[in-house]
Amino acid sequence: FTAGVPVFGMCYGFQLMAKGLGGEVAHTGAREYGRTPVTV
């Protein structure tokens, strides 16, 4: 994440990026599978 190469995280990769850079990944107990509404 600090090598100067652009990085894009998807799903698990998104969480690895968040955790690796000091963000918070939580065991919320809530799960999402399949089609899900998202708000931009």
ModelCIF file with pLDDT and N, C-alpha, C, O atoms, coordinates in Angstrom:
data_MODEL
#
_entry.id   MODEL 
#
_entity.id                         1 
_entity.type                       polymer 
_entity.pdbx_number_of_molecules   1 
#
_entity_poly.entity_id                      1 
_entity_poly.type                           'polypeptide(L)' 
_entity_poly.nstd_linkage                   no 
_entity_poly.nstd_monomer                   no 
_entity_poly.pdbx_seq_one_letter_code       FTAGVPVFGMCYGFQLMAKGLGGEVAHTGAREYGRTPVTV 
_entity_poly.pdbx_seq_one_letter_code_can   FTAGVPVFGMCYGFQLMAKGLGGEVAHTGAREYGRTPVTV 
_entity_poly.pdbx_strand_id                 A 
#
loop_
_entity_poly_seq.entity_id 
_entity_poly_seq.num 
_entity_poly_seq.mon_id 
_entity_poly_seq.hetero 
1 1  PHE n 
1 2  THR n 
1 3  ALA n 
1 4  GLY n 
1 5  VAL n 
1 6  PRO n 
1 7  VAL n 
1 8  PHE n 
1 9  GLY n 
1 10 MET n 
1 11 CYS n 
1 12 TYR n 
1 13 GLY n 
1 14 PHE n 
1 15 GLN n 
1 16 LEU n 
1 17 MET n 
1 18 ALA n 
1 19 LYS n 
1 20 GLY n 
1 21 LEU n 
1 22 GLY n 
1 23 GLY n 
1 24 GLU n 
1 25 VAL n 
1 26 ALA n 
1 27 HIS n 
1 28 THR n 
1 29 GLY n 
1 30 ALA n 
1 31 ARG n 
1 32 GLU n 
1 33 TYR n 
1 34 GLY n 
1 35 ARG n 
1 36 THR n 
1 37 PRO n 
1 38 VAL n 
1 39 THR n 
1 40 VAL n 
#
_struct_asym.id          A 
_struct_asym.entity_id   1 
#
loop_
_ma_qa_metric.id 
_ma_qa_metric.mode 
_ma_qa_metric.name 
_ma_qa_metric.software_group_id 
_ma_qa_metric.type 
1 global pLDDT . pLDDT 
2 local  pLDDT . pLDDT 
#
_ma_qa_metric_global.metric_id      1 
_ma_qa_metric_global.metric_value   87.08 
_ma_qa_metric_global.model_id       1 
_ma_qa_metric_global.ordinal_id     1 
#
loop_
_ma_qa_metric_local.label_asym_id 
_ma_qa_metric_local.label_comp_id 
_ma_qa_metric_local.label_seq_id 
_ma_qa_metric_local.metric_id 
_ma_qa_metric_local.metric_value 
_ma_qa_metric_local.model_id 
_ma_qa_metric_local.ordinal_id 
A PHE 1  2 96.00 1 1  
A THR 2  2 94.00 1 2  
A ALA 3  2 95.00 1 3  
A GLY 4  2 95.00 1 4  
A VAL 5  2 97.00 1 5  
A PRO 6  2 97.00 1 6  
A VAL 7  2 97.00 1 7  
A PHE 8  2 98.00 1 8  
A GLY 9  2 95.00 1 9  
A MET 10 2 93.00 1 10 
A CYS 11 2 89.00 1 11 
A TYR 12 2 89.00 1 12 
A GLY 13 2 92.00 1 13 
A PHE 14 2 93.00 1 14 
A GLN 15 2 91.00 1 15 
A LEU 16 2 92.00 1 16 
A MET 17 2 95.00 1 17 
A ALA 18 2 93.00 1 18 
A LYS 19 2 91.00 1 19 
A GLY 20 2 93.00 1 20 
A LEU 21 2 94.00 1 21 
A GLY 22 2 93.00 1 22 
A GLY 23 2 92.00 1 23 
A GLU 24 2 88.00 1 24 
A VAL 25 2 86.00 1 25 
A ALA 26 2 82.00 1 26 
A HIS 27 2 72.00 1 27 
A THR 28 2 64.00 1 28 
A GLY 29 2 60.00 1 29 
A ALA 30 2 63.00 1 30 
A ARG 31 2 67.00 1 31 
A GLU 32 2 66.00 1 32 
A TYR 33 2 69.00 1 33 
A GLY 34 2 72.00 1 34 
A ARG 35 2 80.00 1 35 
A THR 36 2 86.00 1 36 
A PRO 37 2 91.00 1 37 
A VAL 38 2 93.00 1 38 
A THR 39 2 94.00 1 39 
A VAL 40 2 96.00 1 40 
#
loop_
_atom_site.group_PDB 
_atom_site.id 
_atom_site.type_symbol 
_atom_site.label_atom_id 
_atom_site.label_alt_id 
_atom_site.label_comp_id 
_atom_site.label_asym_id 
_atom_site.label_entity_id 
_atom_site.label_seq_id 
_atom_site.pdbx_PDB_ins_code 
_atom_site.Cartn_x 
_atom_site.Cartn_y 
_atom_site.Cartn_z 
_atom_site.occupancy 
_atom_site.B_iso_or_equiv 
_atom_site.pdbx_formal_charge 
_atom_site.auth_seq_id 
_atom_site.auth_comp_id 
_atom_site.auth_asym_id 
_atom_site.auth_atom_id 
_atom_site.pdbx_PDB_model_num 
ATOM 1   N N  . PHE A 1 1  ? 0.810   -1.219  0.000  1.00 96.00 ? 1  PHE A N  1 
ATOM 2   C CA . PHE A 1 1  ? 0.000   0.000   0.000  1.00 96.00 ? 1  PHE A CA 1 
ATOM 3   C C  . PHE A 1 1  ? 0.847   1.275   0.000  1.00 96.00 ? 1  PHE A C  1 
ATOM 4   O O  . PHE A 1 1  ? 0.322   2.367   -0.217 1.00 96.00 ? 1  PHE A O  1 
ATOM 5   N N  . THR A 1 2  ? 2.145   1.141   0.241  1.00 94.00 ? 2  THR A N  1 
ATOM 6   C CA . THR A 1 2  ? 3.008   2.319   0.324  1.00 94.00 ? 2  THR A CA 1 
ATOM 7   C C  . THR A 1 2  ? 4.109   2.312   -0.732 1.00 94.00 ? 2  THR A C  1 
ATOM 8   O O  . THR A 1 2  ? 5.052   3.101   -0.667 1.00 94.00 ? 2  THR A O  1 
ATOM 9   N N  . ALA A 1 3  ? 3.978   1.410   -1.709 1.00 95.00 ? 3  ALA A N  1 
ATOM 10  C CA . ALA A 1 3  ? 5.033   1.257   -2.715 1.00 95.00 ? 3  ALA A CA 1 
ATOM 11  C C  . ALA A 1 3  ? 4.885   2.221   -3.889 1.00 95.00 ? 3  ALA A C  1 
ATOM 12  O O  . ALA A 1 3  ? 5.732   2.264   -4.781 1.00 95.00 ? 3  ALA A O  1 
ATOM 13  N N  . GLY A 1 4  ? 3.797   2.993   -3.878 1.00 95.00 ? 4  GLY A N  1 
ATOM 14  C CA . GLY A 1 4  ? 3.592   3.926   -4.979 1.00 95.00 ? 4  GLY A CA 1 
ATOM 15  C C  . GLY A 1 4  ? 2.859   3.339   -6.167 1.00 95.00 ? 4  GLY A C  1 
ATOM 16  O O  . GLY A 1 4  ? 2.659   4.026   -7.169 1.00 95.00 ? 4  GLY A O  1 
ATOM 17  N N  . VAL A 1 5  ? 2.452   2.076   -6.077 1.00 97.00 ? 5  VAL A N  1 
ATOM 18  C CA . VAL A 1 5  ? 1.668   1.437   -7.129 1.00 97.00 ? 5  VAL A CA 1 
ATOM 19  C C  . VAL A 1 5  ? 0.198   1.497   -6.735 1.00 97.00 ? 5  VAL A C  1 
ATOM 20  O O  . VAL A 1 5  ? -0.137  1.105   -5.617 1.00 97.00 ? 5  VAL A O  1 
ATOM 21  N N  . PRO A 1 6  ? -0.697  1.970   -7.605 1.00 97.00 ? 6  PRO A N  1 
ATOM 22  C CA . PRO A 1 6  ? -2.118  2.015   -7.269 1.00 97.00 ? 6  PRO A CA 1 
ATOM 23  C C  . PRO A 1 6  ? -2.661  0.630   -6.918 1.00 97.00 ? 6  PRO A C  1 
ATOM 24  O O  . PRO A 1 6  ? -2.313  -0.362  -7.558 1.00 97.00 ? 6  PRO A O  1 
ATOM 25  N N  . VAL A 1 7  ? -3.517  0.574   -5.894 1.00 97.00 ? 7  VAL A N  1 
ATOM 26  C CA . VAL A 1 7  ? -4.088  -0.696  -5.442 1.00 97.00 ? 7  VAL A CA 1 
ATOM 27  C C  . VAL A 1 7  ? -5.596  -0.536  -5.306 1.00 97.00 ? 7  VAL A C  1 
ATOM 28  O O  . VAL A 1 7  ? -6.090  0.473   -4.802 1.00 97.00 ? 7  VAL A O  1 
ATOM 29  N N  . PHE A 1 8  ? -6.324  -1.572  -5.775 1.00 98.00 ? 8  PHE A N  1 
ATOM 30  C CA . PHE A 1 8  ? -7.787  -1.595  -5.678 1.00 98.00 ? 8  PHE A CA 1 
ATOM 31  C C  . PHE A 1 8  ? -8.188  -2.844  -4.914 1.00 98.00 ? 8  PHE A C  1 
ATOM 32  O O  . PHE A 1 8  ? -7.808  -3.949  -5.300 1.00 98.00 ? 8  PHE A O  1 
ATOM 33  N N  . GLY A 1 9  ? -8.953  -2.690  -3.829 1.00 95.00 ? 9  GLY A N  1 
ATOM 34  C CA . GLY A 1 9  ? -9.403  -3.835  -3.040 1.00 95.00 ? 9  GLY A CA 1 
ATOM 35  C C  . GLY A 1 9  ? -10.860 -4.153  -3.304 1.00 95.00 ? 9  GLY A C  1 
ATOM 36  O O  . GLY A 1 9  ? -11.701 -3.256  -3.357 1.00 95.00 ? 9  GLY A O  1 
ATOM 37  N N  . MET A 1 10 ? -11.155 -5.429  -3.469 1.00 93.00 ? 10 MET A N  1 
ATOM 38  C CA . MET A 1 10 ? -12.532 -5.888  -3.663 1.00 93.00 ? 10 MET A CA 1 
ATOM 39  C C  . MET A 1 10 ? -12.899 -6.851  -2.546 1.00 93.00 ? 10 MET A C  1 
ATOM 40  O O  . MET A 1 10 ? -12.174 -7.818  -2.312 1.00 93.00 ? 10 MET A O  1 
ATOM 41  N N  . CYS A 1 11 ? -14.000 -6.615  -1.854 1.00 89.00 ? 11 CYS A N  1 
ATOM 42  C CA . CYS A 1 11 ? -14.521 -7.531  -0.841 1.00 89.00 ? 11 CYS A CA 1 
ATOM 43  C C  . CYS A 1 11 ? -13.446 -7.819  0.214  1.00 89.00 ? 11 CYS A C  1 
ATOM 44  O O  . CYS A 1 11 ? -13.110 -6.928  0.994  1.00 89.00 ? 11 CYS A O  1 
ATOM 45  N N  . TYR A 1 12 ? -12.905 -9.028  0.257  1.00 89.00 ? 12 TYR A N  1 
ATOM 46  C CA . TYR A 1 12 ? -11.855 -9.362  1.228  1.00 89.00 ? 12 TYR A CA 1 
ATOM 47  C C  . TYR A 1 12 ? -10.647 -8.447  1.045  1.00 89.00 ? 12 TYR A C  1 
ATOM 48  O O  . TYR A 1 12 ? -10.051 -7.996  2.023  1.00 89.00 ? 12 TYR A O  1 
ATOM 49  N N  . GLY A 1 13 ? -10.289 -8.173  -0.208 1.00 92.00 ? 13 GLY A N  1 
ATOM 50  C CA . GLY A 1 13 ? -9.168  -7.273  -0.483 1.00 92.00 ? 13 GLY A CA 1 
ATOM 51  C C  . GLY A 1 13 ? -9.423  -5.864  0.034  1.00 92.00 ? 13 GLY A C  1 
ATOM 52  O O  . GLY A 1 13 ? -8.495  -5.180  0.467  1.00 92.00 ? 13 GLY A O  1 
ATOM 53  N N  . PHE A 1 14 ? -10.672 -5.430  -0.009 1.00 93.00 ? 14 PHE A N  1 
ATOM 54  C CA . PHE A 1 14 ? -11.088 -4.129  0.540  1.00 93.00 ? 14 PHE A CA 1 
ATOM 55  C C  . PHE A 1 14 ? -10.859 -4.096  2.048  1.00 93.00 ? 14 PHE A C  1 
ATOM 56  O O  . PHE A 1 14 ? -10.364 -3.105  2.585  1.00 93.00 ? 14 PHE A O  1 
ATOM 57  N N  . GLN A 1 15 ? -11.221 -5.183  2.727  1.00 91.00 ? 15 GLN A N  1 
ATOM 58  C CA . GLN A 1 15 ? -11.031 -5.258  4.175  1.00 91.00 ? 15 GLN A CA 1 
ATOM 59  C C  . GLN A 1 15 ? -9.552  -5.335  4.547  1.00 91.00 ? 15 GLN A C  1 
ATOM 60  O O  . GLN A 1 15 ? -9.132  -4.745  5.543  1.00 91.00 ? 15 GLN A O  1 
ATOM 61  N N  . LEU A 1 16 ? -8.758  -6.060  3.750  1.00 92.00 ? 16 LEU A N  1 
ATOM 62  C CA . LEU A 1 16 ? -7.313  -6.107  3.997  1.00 92.00 ? 16 LEU A CA 1 
ATOM 63  C C  . LEU A 1 16 ? -6.700  -4.720  3.896  1.00 92.00 ? 16 LEU A C  1 
ATOM 64  O O  . LEU A 1 16 ? -5.835  -4.355  4.692  1.00 92.00 ? 16 LEU A O  1 
ATOM 65  N N  . MET A 1 17 ? -7.153  -3.951  2.913  1.00 95.00 ? 17 MET A N  1 
ATOM 66  C CA . MET A 1 17 ? -6.636  -2.593  2.743  1.00 95.00 ? 17 MET A CA 1 
ATOM 67  C C  . MET A 1 17 ? -7.015  -1.726  3.939  1.00 95.00 ? 17 MET A C  1 
ATOM 68  O O  . MET A 1 17 ? -6.181  -1.005  4.487  1.00 95.00 ? 17 MET A O  1 
ATOM 69  N N  . ALA A 1 18 ? -8.285  -1.804  4.336  1.00 93.00 ? 18 ALA A N  1 
ATOM 70  C CA . ALA A 1 18 ? -8.749  -1.005  5.478  1.00 93.00 ? 18 ALA A CA 1 
ATOM 71  C C  . ALA A 1 18 ? -7.966  -1.351  6.738  1.00 93.00 ? 18 ALA A C  1 
ATOM 72  O O  . ALA A 1 18 ? -7.487  -0.460  7.439  1.00 93.00 ? 18 ALA A O  1 
ATOM 73  N N  . LYS A 1 19 ? -7.838  -2.629  7.024  1.00 91.00 ? 19 LYS A N  1 
ATOM 74  C CA . LYS A 1 19 ? -7.150  -3.078  8.241  1.00 91.00 ? 19 LYS A CA 1 
ATOM 75  C C  . LYS A 1 19 ? -5.660  -2.746  8.175  1.00 91.00 ? 19 LYS A C  1 
ATOM 76  O O  . LYS A 1 19 ? -5.070  -2.301  9.159  1.00 91.00 ? 19 LYS A O  1 
ATOM 77  N N  . GLY A 1 20 ? -5.057  -2.969  6.999  1.00 93.00 ? 20 GLY A N  1 
ATOM 78  C CA . GLY A 1 20 ? -3.620  -2.752  6.869  1.00 93.00 ? 20 GLY A CA 1 
ATOM 79  C C  . GLY A 1 20 ? -3.201  -1.304  6.971  1.00 93.00 ? 20 GLY A C  1 
ATOM 80  O O  . GLY A 1 20 ? -2.047  -1.014  7.287  1.00 93.00 ? 20 GLY A O  1 
ATOM 81  N N  . LEU A 1 21 ? -4.133  -0.375  6.707  1.00 94.00 ? 21 LEU A N  1 
ATOM 82  C CA . LEU A 1 21 ? -3.806  1.047   6.748  1.00 94.00 ? 21 LEU A CA 1 
ATOM 83  C C  . LEU A 1 21 ? -4.362  1.744   7.986  1.00 94.00 ? 21 LEU A C  1 
ATOM 84  O O  . LEU A 1 21 ? -4.381  2.972   8.061  1.00 94.00 ? 21 LEU A O  1 
ATOM 85  N N  . GLY A 1 22 ? -4.817  0.944   8.963  1.00 93.00 ? 22 GLY A N  1 
ATOM 86  C CA . GLY A 1 22 ? -5.237  1.535   10.229 1.00 93.00 ? 22 GLY A CA 1 
ATOM 87  C C  . GLY A 1 22 ? -6.718  1.804   10.353 1.00 93.00 ? 22 GLY A C  1 
ATOM 88  O O  . GLY A 1 22 ? -7.146  2.428   11.324 1.00 93.00 ? 22 GLY A O  1 
ATOM 89  N N  . GLY A 1 23 ? -7.518  1.350   9.396  1.00 92.00 ? 23 GLY A N  1 
ATOM 90  C CA . GLY A 1 23 ? -8.966  1.465   9.512  1.00 92.00 ? 23 GLY A CA 1 
ATOM 91  C C  . GLY A 1 23 ? -9.495  0.391   10.444 1.00 92.00 ? 23 GLY A C  1 
ATOM 92  O O  . GLY A 1 23 ? -8.721  -0.337  11.063 1.00 92.00 ? 23 GLY A O  1 
ATOM 93  N N  . GLU A 1 24 ? -10.807 0.293   10.544 1.00 88.00 ? 24 GLU A N  1 
ATOM 94  C CA . GLU A 1 24 ? -11.412 -0.683  11.458 1.00 88.00 ? 24 GLU A CA 1 
ATOM 95  C C  . GLU A 1 24 ? -12.309 -1.648  10.694 1.00 88.00 ? 24 GLU A C  1 
ATOM 96  O O  . GLU A 1 24 ? -13.239 -1.238  10.000 1.00 88.00 ? 24 GLU A O  1 
ATOM 97  N N  . VAL A 1 25 ? -12.014 -2.939  10.834 1.00 86.00 ? 25 VAL A N  1 
ATOM 98  C CA . VAL A 1 25 ? -12.874 -3.993  10.291 1.00 86.00 ? 25 VAL A CA 1 
ATOM 99  C C  . VAL A 1 25 ? -13.507 -4.694  11.482 1.00 86.00 ? 25 VAL A C  1 
ATOM 100 O O  . VAL A 1 25 ? -12.807 -5.202  12.358 1.00 86.00 ? 25 VAL A O  1 
ATOM 101 N N  . ALA A 1 26 ? -14.840 -4.718  11.508 1.00 82.00 ? 26 ALA A N  1 
ATOM 102 C CA . ALA A 1 26 ? -15.542 -5.188  12.704 1.00 82.00 ? 26 ALA A CA 1 
ATOM 103 C C  . ALA A 1 26 ? -16.335 -6.453  12.448 1.00 82.00 ? 26 ALA A C  1 
ATOM 104 O O  . ALA A 1 26 ? -16.858 -6.678  11.356 1.00 82.00 ? 26 ALA A O  1 
ATOM 105 N N  . HIS A 1 27 ? -16.411 -7.291  13.509 1.00 72.00 ? 27 HIS A N  1 
ATOM 106 C CA . HIS A 1 27 ? -17.335 -8.424  13.532 1.00 72.00 ? 27 HIS A CA 1 
ATOM 107 C C  . HIS A 1 27 ? -18.703 -7.883  13.939 1.00 72.00 ? 27 HIS A C  1 
ATOM 108 O O  . HIS A 1 27 ? -19.049 -7.923  15.119 1.00 72.00 ? 27 HIS A O  1 
ATOM 109 N N  . THR A 1 28 ? -19.458 -7.396  13.019 1.00 64.00 ? 28 THR A N  1 
ATOM 110 C CA . THR A 1 28 ? -20.739 -6.775  13.371 1.00 64.00 ? 28 THR A CA 1 
ATOM 111 C C  . THR A 1 28 ? -21.844 -7.804  13.569 1.00 64.00 ? 28 THR A C  1 
ATOM 112 O O  . THR A 1 28 ? -22.883 -7.497  14.153 1.00 64.00 ? 28 THR A O  1 
ATOM 113 N N  . GLY A 1 29 ? -21.622 -9.024  13.084 1.00 60.00 ? 29 GLY A N  1 
ATOM 114 C CA . GLY A 1 29 ? -22.671 -10.044 13.146 1.00 60.00 ? 29 GLY A CA 1 
ATOM 115 C C  . GLY A 1 29 ? -23.640 -9.931  11.991 1.00 60.00 ? 29 GLY A C  1 
ATOM 116 O O  . GLY A 1 29 ? -24.434 -10.842 11.754 1.00 60.00 ? 29 GLY A O  1 
ATOM 117 N N  . ALA A 1 30 ? -23.584 -8.815  11.263 1.00 63.00 ? 30 ALA A N  1 
ATOM 118 C CA . ALA A 1 30 ? -24.468 -8.626  10.104 1.00 63.00 ? 30 ALA A CA 1 
ATOM 119 C C  . ALA A 1 30 ? -23.761 -9.143  8.859  1.00 63.00 ? 30 ALA A C  1 
ATOM 120 O O  . ALA A 1 30 ? -22.591 -8.841  8.625  1.00 63.00 ? 30 ALA A O  1 
ATOM 121 N N  . ARG A 1 31 ? -24.475 -9.916  8.072  1.00 67.00 ? 31 ARG A N  1 
ATOM 122 C CA . ARG A 1 31 ? -23.911 -10.468 6.850  1.00 67.00 ? 31 ARG A CA 1 
ATOM 123 C C  . ARG A 1 31 ? -24.711 -9.996  5.650  1.00 67.00 ? 31 ARG A C  1 
ATOM 124 O O  . ARG A 1 31 ? -25.912 -9.739  5.738  1.00 67.00 ? 31 ARG A O  1 
ATOM 125 N N  . GLU A 1 32 ? -24.016 -9.888  4.529  1.00 66.00 ? 32 GLU A N  1 
ATOM 126 C CA . GLU A 1 32 ? -24.673 -9.518  3.278  1.00 66.00 ? 32 GLU A CA 1 
ATOM 127 C C  . GLU A 1 32 ? -24.231 -10.487 2.189  1.00 66.00 ? 32 GLU A C  1 
ATOM 128 O O  . GLU A 1 32 ? -23.041 -10.610 1.897  1.00 66.00 ? 32 GLU A O  1 
ATOM 129 N N  . TYR A 1 33 ? -25.202 -11.172 1.592  1.00 69.00 ? 33 TYR A N  1 
ATOM 130 C CA . TYR A 1 33 ? -24.912 -12.103 0.503  1.00 69.00 ? 33 TYR A CA 1 
ATOM 131 C C  . TYR A 1 33 ? -25.888 -11.851 -0.635 1.00 69.00 ? 33 TYR A C  1 
ATOM 132 O O  . TYR A 1 33 ? -27.077 -11.625 -0.412 1.00 69.00 ? 33 TYR A O  1 
ATOM 133 N N  . GLY A 1 34 ? -25.371 -11.892 -1.855 1.00 72.00 ? 34 GLY A N  1 
ATOM 134 C CA . GLY A 1 34 ? -26.230 -11.705 -3.018 1.00 72.00 ? 34 GLY A CA 1 
ATOM 135 C C  . GLY A 1 34 ? -26.501 -10.237 -3.312 1.00 72.00 ? 34 GLY A C  1 
ATOM 136 O O  . GLY A 1 34 ? -25.776 -9.354  -2.853 1.00 72.00 ? 34 GLY A O  1 
ATOM 137 N N  . ARG A 1 35 ? -27.565 -9.985  -4.091 1.00 80.00 ? 35 ARG A N  1 
ATOM 138 C CA . ARG A 1 35 ? -27.885 -8.615  -4.509 1.00 80.00 ? 35 ARG A CA 1 
ATOM 139 C C  . ARG A 1 35 ? -28.238 -7.751  -3.297 1.00 80.00 ? 35 ARG A C  1 
ATOM 140 O O  . ARG A 1 35 ? -29.080 -8.120  -2.479 1.00 80.00 ? 35 ARG A O  1 
ATOM 141 N N  . THR A 1 36 ? -27.581 -6.599  -3.200 1.00 86.00 ? 36 THR A N  1 
ATOM 142 C CA . THR A 1 36 ? -27.738 -5.724  -2.035 1.00 86.00 ? 36 THR A CA 1 
ATOM 143 C C  . THR A 1 36 ? -27.837 -4.269  -2.497 1.00 86.00 ? 36 THR A C  1 
ATOM 144 O O  . THR A 1 36 ? -27.021 -3.830  -3.307 1.00 86.00 ? 36 THR A O  1 
ATOM 145 N N  . PRO A 1 37 ? -28.813 -3.518  -2.001 1.00 91.00 ? 37 PRO A N  1 
ATOM 146 C CA . PRO A 1 37 ? -28.887 -2.085  -2.344 1.00 91.00 ? 37 PRO A CA 1 
ATOM 147 C C  . PRO A 1 37 ? -27.725 -1.333  -1.691 1.00 91.00 ? 37 PRO A C  1 
ATOM 148 O O  . PRO A 1 37 ? -27.397 -1.569  -0.528 1.00 91.00 ? 37 PRO A O  1 
ATOM 149 N N  . VAL A 1 38 ? -27.107 -0.426  -2.451 1.00 93.00 ? 38 VAL A N  1 
ATOM 150 C CA . VAL A 1 38 ? -26.028 0.399   -1.928 1.00 93.00 ? 38 VAL A CA 1 
ATOM 151 C C  . VAL A 1 38 ? -26.363 1.863   -2.215 1.00 93.00 ? 38 VAL A C  1 
ATOM 152 O O  . VAL A 1 38 ? -26.986 2.177   -3.229 1.00 93.00 ? 38 VAL A O  1 
ATOM 153 N N  . THR A 1 39 ? -25.947 2.746   -1.322 1.00 94.00 ? 39 THR A N  1 
ATOM 154 C CA . THR A 1 39 ? -26.201 4.179   -1.471 1.00 94.00 ? 39 THR A CA 1 
ATOM 155 C C  . THR A 1 39 ? -24.876 4.916   -1.627 1.00 94.00 ? 39 THR A C  1 
ATOM 156 O O  . THR A 1 39 ? -23.993 4.814   -0.775 1.00 94.00 ? 39 THR A O  1 
ATOM 157 N N  . VAL A 1 40 ? -24.750 5.653   -2.715 1.00 96.00 ? 40 VAL A N  1 
ATOM 158 C CA . VAL A 1 40 ? -23.545 6.456   -2.950 1.00 96.00 ? 40 VAL A CA 1 
ATOM 159 C C  . VAL A 1 40 ? -23.731 7.791   -2.238 1.00 96.00 ? 40 VAL A C  1 
ATOM 160 O O  . VAL A 1 40 ? -22.846 8.645   -2.288 1.00 96.00 ? 40 VAL A O  1 
#
